Amino acid sequence: MNRILLASAFLLVSISAAFADEIPSALPASAVVSPVPAAASPAPKAPAPKLVEPHLHIARSNIAGHARVALTFDACMGQADERILSTLVRERIPATIFVTARWLKRNPAAVAAFLQNPDLFELENHGKNHIPAVDTPTLIYGIASAGSPQAVRQEVEGGAAAMVAAGIPAPYWFRGSTAKYDLSAIGEIRAMGYRIAGYSVNGDGGSLLGAVITEKRIASAKDGDVVISHINQPTHAAGEGVAKALVDLKAKGTQFVRLQDVEDTGDDKTTE
């Protein structure tokens, strides 16, 4: 019996020693896991710039049945909307067109039509590349802003240079992409000699509205209103509504004027 117990004890000691050889008594230095440092606090985000979307009104006619309205159209990118352009020419309706350098390159025929009708069309500056004229980095409707005073100046000056190169008189008005600005950019653009064109009636919701609602919005313009719409989306339903609204307003006896033809008042120091 004692022999059996001694043999069992010897066997247990041998097995324990064998396992002990496979299990290191201490982890090597390279395997030691250092404590995970606490995550660094994220850098505070720069506050979003305060943006304004200025209003603009023109001097009223104060004549019953003959409201004075300024039609303004943005030609951002894309092609000319012939539904609108042909209606303006056929009905002899004056309008102010804000063009980008990018649009000018793609639409020489429409530019020629504008220049052939100087009594109807006033061409003004919508920028070089359709970049929002905001001098701090931000996104507006998903579009990156200019982001610095230098970039705002480039956008404005680049648009003007393209206009002059296309045979268009030097612009007097500027309207940036999205029609939103920060106050410092407004001061910079005004210091460049421009008036900044806001509006009082959003006619086509960036050319994204349907034809019926667009027609109603524009046809509702009152004495002293400045309407903004788009003339660069020929495949959008809004263009049809714009064209119909022009005829509606004319039938009501509306007096159409260009911005250069009348006194105006803009808020946020855009025209002071």
Protein backbone atom coordinates (compact mmCIF):
# COMPACT_ATOMS: atom_id res chain seq x y z
CA MET A 1 0.00 0.00 0.00
CA ASN A 2 2.81 2.40 0.89
CA ARG A 3 4.49 1.58 -2.42
CA ILE A 4 1.30 2.47 -4.30
CA LEU A 5 1.00 5.80 -2.46
CA LEU A 6 4.65 6.65 -3.10
CA ALA A 7 4.26 5.81 -6.80
CA SER A 8 1.16 8.03 -7.09
CA ALA A 9 2.87 10.92 -5.36
CA PHE A 10 5.89 10.58 -7.65
CA LEU A 11 3.61 10.59 -10.72
CA LEU A 12 1.81 13.77 -9.60
CA VAL A 13 5.10 15.56 -9.00
CA SER A 14 6.36 14.56 -12.47
CA ILE A 15 3.17 15.79 -14.20
CA SER A 16 3.25 19.08 -12.29
CA ALA A 17 6.87 19.65 -13.25
CA ALA A 18 6.11 18.97 -16.91
CA PHE A 19 3.29 21.54 -17.01
CA ALA A 20 5.42 23.99 -15.10
CA ASP A 21 8.03 23.85 -17.88
CA GLU A 22 5.38 24.96 -20.43
CA ILE A 23 3.93 27.83 -18.37
CA PRO A 24 6.35 30.79 -18.01
CA SER A 25 6.73 31.99 -14.49
CA ALA A 26 6.64 35.60 -15.71
CA LEU A 27 5.63 37.34 -18.94
CA PRO A 28 8.50 38.79 -20.98
CA ALA A 29 8.78 42.56 -20.96
CA SER A 30 7.54 42.74 -24.54
CA ALA A 31 4.34 40.97 -23.56
CA VAL A 32 3.50 43.21 -20.66
CA VAL A 33 0.37 45.20 -21.50
CA SER A 34 0.69 48.83 -20.49
CA PRO A 35 -2.33 50.55 -19.04
CA VAL A 36 -4.46 52.15 -21.78
CA PRO A 37 -4.26 55.93 -21.42
CA ALA A 38 -7.51 57.78 -21.09
CA ALA A 39 -8.85 58.96 -24.45
CA ALA A 40 -7.87 62.52 -25.21
CA SER A 41 -10.76 64.95 -25.16
CA PRO A 42 -11.75 65.96 -28.70
CA ALA A 43 -10.72 69.45 -29.71
CA PRO A 44 -13.64 71.82 -29.38
CA LYS A 45 -15.33 72.55 -32.70
CA ALA A 46 -15.12 76.05 -34.05
CA PRO A 47 -18.49 77.73 -33.70
CA ALA A 48 -20.51 77.79 -36.92
CA PRO A 49 -20.51 81.21 -38.53
CA LYS A 50 -23.64 83.29 -38.17
CA LEU A 51 -25.22 83.38 -41.61
CA VAL A 52 -27.74 85.82 -42.99
CA GLU A 53 -29.95 85.67 -46.08
CA PRO A 54 -30.51 89.35 -46.86
CA HIS A 55 -33.77 90.80 -48.12
CA LEU A 56 -33.92 93.34 -50.91
CA HIS A 57 -36.82 95.61 -51.90
CA ILE A 58 -37.11 98.19 -54.63
CA ALA A 59 -38.93 101.51 -54.58
CA ARG A 60 -42.65 100.97 -55.01
CA SER A 61 -44.65 102.45 -57.84
CA ASN A 62 -47.56 103.21 -55.49
CA ILE A 63 -49.85 102.98 -58.50
CA ALA A 64 -52.88 100.77 -58.02
CA GLY A 65 -52.92 97.91 -60.50
CA HIS A 66 -49.34 98.54 -61.58
CA ALA A 67 -47.11 96.96 -58.97
CA ARG A 68 -43.37 97.41 -59.59
CA VAL A 69 -41.45 94.11 -59.44
CA ALA A 70 -37.82 93.23 -60.13
CA LEU A 71 -37.30 89.78 -61.59
CA THR A 72 -33.88 88.30 -60.87
CA PHE A 73 -32.61 84.97 -62.18
CA ASP A 74 -29.57 82.97 -61.14
CA ALA A 75 -27.62 81.17 -63.87
CA CYS A 76 -25.52 78.93 -61.66
CA MET A 77 -24.36 75.97 -63.73
CA GLY A 78 -25.96 73.73 -66.35
CA GLN A 79 -27.82 74.92 -69.44
CA ALA A 80 -30.06 77.86 -70.24
CA ASP A 81 -33.77 77.32 -69.69
CA GLU A 82 -35.24 78.36 -73.02
CA ARG A 83 -38.78 78.23 -71.61
CA ILE A 84 -37.94 81.23 -69.45
CA LEU A 85 -35.56 83.02 -71.80
CA SER A 86 -37.92 82.85 -74.77
CA THR A 87 -40.83 84.13 -72.63
CA LEU A 88 -38.80 87.10 -71.40
CA VAL A 89 -37.82 88.01 -74.97
CA ARG A 90 -41.24 87.39 -76.53
CA GLU A 91 -43.13 89.30 -73.84
CA ARG A 92 -40.44 92.02 -73.64
CA ILE A 93 -40.07 91.59 -69.89
CA PRO A 94 -36.94 93.10 -68.32
CA ALA A 95 -34.92 91.06 -65.83
CA THR A 96 -31.60 90.97 -64.01
CA ILE A 97 -29.57 87.82 -64.65
CA PHE A 98 -26.82 86.71 -62.24
CA VAL A 99 -24.28 84.58 -64.12
CA THR A 100 -21.34 82.46 -63.01
CA ALA A 101 -18.15 82.03 -65.01
CA ARG A 102 -18.99 78.33 -65.32
CA TRP A 103 -22.40 79.03 -66.83
CA LEU A 104 -21.02 81.59 -69.28
CA LYS A 105 -18.63 79.02 -70.77
CA ARG A 106 -21.40 76.51 -71.42
CA ASN A 107 -24.07 78.84 -72.83
CA PRO A 108 -22.69 81.13 -75.54
CA ALA A 109 -26.01 81.22 -77.43
CA ALA A 110 -27.92 82.41 -74.37
CA VAL A 111 -25.22 84.99 -73.62
CA ALA A 112 -25.58 86.26 -77.18
CA ALA A 113 -29.36 86.54 -76.69
CA PHE A 114 -28.83 88.59 -73.54
CA LEU A 115 -26.38 90.91 -75.25
CA GLN A 116 -28.69 91.34 -78.24
CA ASN A 117 -31.41 92.65 -75.94
CA PRO A 118 -29.70 95.27 -73.76
CA ASP A 119 -33.03 96.98 -73.12
CA LEU A 120 -34.28 93.83 -71.41
CA PHE A 121 -31.35 92.23 -69.64
CA GLU A 122 -29.00 93.45 -66.96
CA LEU A 123 -26.20 90.92 -66.39
CA GLU A 124 -24.62 90.76 -62.94
CA ASN A 125 -22.08 88.70 -61.01
CA HIS A 126 -22.93 85.31 -59.47
CA GLY A 127 -19.30 84.32 -58.89
CA LYS A 128 -16.62 82.26 -60.55
CA ASN A 129 -17.39 78.73 -59.38
CA HIS A 130 -20.73 79.08 -57.54
CA ILE A 131 -19.13 78.96 -54.08
CA PRO A 132 -20.96 80.50 -51.09
CA ALA A 133 -19.43 83.86 -50.18
CA VAL A 134 -18.73 83.00 -46.55
CA ASP A 135 -15.22 83.64 -45.26
CA THR A 136 -15.09 80.87 -42.65
CA PRO A 137 -15.28 77.14 -43.44
CA THR A 138 -18.80 75.69 -43.32
CA LEU A 139 -21.32 73.79 -45.43
CA ILE A 140 -24.47 75.42 -46.79
CA TYR A 141 -26.98 73.05 -48.38
CA GLY A 142 -24.04 70.65 -48.69
CA ILE A 143 -21.88 73.18 -50.59
CA ALA A 144 -18.50 74.10 -49.05
CA SER A 145 -18.11 77.82 -48.45
CA ALA A 146 -15.22 79.88 -49.76
CA GLY A 147 -13.73 79.60 -46.29
CA SER A 148 -11.43 82.64 -46.16
CA PRO A 149 -11.45 86.32 -47.12
CA GLN A 150 -9.00 85.58 -49.93
CA ALA A 151 -11.26 82.86 -51.35
CA VAL A 152 -14.29 85.15 -51.19
CA ARG A 153 -12.35 87.75 -53.16
CA GLN A 154 -11.31 85.13 -55.72
CA GLU A 155 -14.92 84.05 -56.18
CA VAL A 156 -16.14 87.61 -56.71
CA GLU A 157 -13.26 88.82 -58.87
CA GLY A 158 -13.21 85.61 -60.93
CA GLY A 159 -16.87 86.00 -61.80
CA ALA A 160 -16.40 89.61 -62.84
CA ALA A 161 -13.36 88.82 -64.97
CA ALA A 162 -15.25 86.10 -66.85
CA MET A 163 -18.09 88.50 -67.56
CA VAL A 164 -15.82 91.17 -68.99
CA ALA A 165 -14.01 88.54 -71.07
CA ALA A 166 -17.39 87.54 -72.54
CA GLY A 167 -18.10 91.10 -73.65
CA ILE A 168 -20.43 91.92 -70.75
CA PRO A 169 -20.13 95.30 -69.00
CA ALA A 170 -18.39 95.22 -65.63
CA PRO A 171 -20.92 94.14 -62.97
CA TYR A 172 -22.26 96.36 -60.23
CA TRP A 173 -24.21 93.78 -58.22
CA PHE A 174 -23.08 90.49 -56.66
CA ARG A 175 -25.14 87.55 -55.46
CA GLY A 176 -23.31 84.59 -53.97
CA SER A 177 -24.20 80.93 -54.25
CA THR A 178 -27.06 80.02 -51.85
CA ALA A 179 -27.65 83.79 -51.26
CA LYS A 180 -26.27 83.33 -47.73
CA TYR A 181 -23.32 85.25 -46.25
CA ASP A 182 -21.61 85.96 -42.98
CA LEU A 183 -21.44 89.61 -41.95
CA SER A 184 -17.68 89.90 -42.39
CA ALA A 185 -17.91 88.65 -45.99
CA ILE A 186 -20.66 91.19 -46.67
CA GLY A 187 -18.28 93.92 -45.50
CA GLU A 188 -15.50 92.56 -47.72
CA ILE A 189 -17.70 92.41 -50.82
CA ARG A 190 -19.10 95.88 -50.20
CA ALA A 191 -15.53 97.17 -49.86
CA MET A 192 -14.88 95.80 -53.35
CA GLY A 193 -17.54 98.19 -54.67
CA TYR A 194 -20.48 95.80 -55.03
CA ARG A 195 -24.05 95.98 -53.87
CA ILE A 196 -25.24 92.58 -52.68
CA ALA A 197 -28.52 91.35 -54.13
CA GLY A 198 -30.92 89.81 -51.66
CA TYR A 199 -34.55 89.19 -52.53
CA SER A 200 -38.03 89.27 -51.02
CA VAL A 201 -39.82 86.46 -52.91
CA ASN A 202 -38.28 83.01 -53.37
CA GLY A 203 -39.97 82.04 -56.59
CA ASP A 204 -38.85 78.50 -57.31
CA GLY A 205 -37.15 77.19 -54.15
CA GLY A 206 -33.80 76.76 -55.86
CA SER A 207 -35.59 75.39 -58.95
CA LEU A 208 -36.76 72.42 -56.86
CA LEU A 209 -40.45 73.29 -56.58
CA GLY A 210 -43.19 72.06 -58.87
CA ALA A 211 -44.64 74.15 -61.67
CA VAL A 212 -47.92 75.01 -59.93
CA ILE A 213 -46.45 76.21 -56.64
CA THR A 214 -43.72 78.13 -58.49
CA GLU A 215 -46.32 79.92 -60.61
CA LYS A 216 -48.33 80.85 -57.50
CA ARG A 217 -45.30 82.12 -55.61
CA ILE A 218 -44.06 84.39 -58.37
CA ALA A 219 -47.52 85.60 -59.39
CA SER A 220 -48.07 86.68 -55.77
CA ALA A 221 -45.29 89.31 -55.99
CA LYS A 222 -46.37 92.71 -54.71
CA ASP A 223 -45.33 96.30 -55.27
CA GLY A 224 -41.63 96.64 -54.38
CA ASP A 225 -40.78 92.93 -54.40
CA VAL A 226 -37.58 91.38 -55.74
CA VAL A 227 -38.14 87.84 -57.02
CA ILE A 228 -35.37 85.23 -57.19
CA SER A 229 -35.67 82.24 -59.53
CA HIS A 230 -33.35 80.16 -61.71
CA ILE A 231 -32.77 80.11 -65.44
CA ASN A 232 -30.33 77.20 -65.59
CA GLN A 233 -32.47 74.09 -65.04
CA PRO A 234 -34.32 73.34 -68.28
CA THR A 235 -35.31 69.84 -67.13
CA HIS A 236 -36.96 70.98 -63.88
CA ALA A 237 -40.71 71.49 -63.62
CA ALA A 238 -40.16 74.84 -61.88
CA GLY A 239 -39.17 76.48 -65.16
CA GLU A 240 -42.61 75.89 -66.59
CA GLY A 241 -44.14 77.61 -63.58
CA VAL A 242 -41.76 80.55 -63.92
CA ALA A 243 -42.72 81.10 -67.55
CA LYS A 244 -46.45 80.99 -66.75
CA ALA A 245 -46.04 83.37 -63.80
CA LEU A 246 -44.32 85.96 -66.01
CA VAL A 247 -47.37 86.02 -68.27
CA ASP A 248 -49.67 86.14 -65.23
CA LEU A 249 -47.89 89.18 -63.79
CA LYS A 250 -47.85 90.99 -67.12
CA ALA A 251 -51.59 90.42 -67.50
CA LYS A 252 -52.10 92.03 -64.08
CA GLY A 253 -50.36 95.21 -65.27
CA THR A 254 -47.11 94.64 -63.38
CA GLN A 255 -44.31 97.09 -64.08
CA PHE A 256 -41.11 95.07 -64.50
CA VAL A 257 -37.76 96.72 -63.75
CA ARG A 258 -34.13 95.75 -63.61
CA LEU A 259 -32.11 96.42 -60.46
CA GLN A 260 -30.07 99.08 -62.26
CA ASP A 261 -33.22 101.05 -63.09
CA VAL A 262 -34.64 101.73 -59.64
CA GLU A 263 -33.75 102.64 -56.08
CA ASP A 264 -33.49 99.78 -53.63
CA THR A 265 -33.08 98.93 -49.97
CA GLY A 266 -31.26 95.87 -48.67
CA ASP A 267 -30.86 94.74 -45.08
CA ASP A 268 -27.69 93.50 -43.31
CA LYS A 269 -25.78 96.46 -44.80
CA THR A 270 -25.86 94.88 -48.27
CA THR A 271 -26.68 98.10 -50.12
CA GLU A 272 -25.73 100.90 -47.71
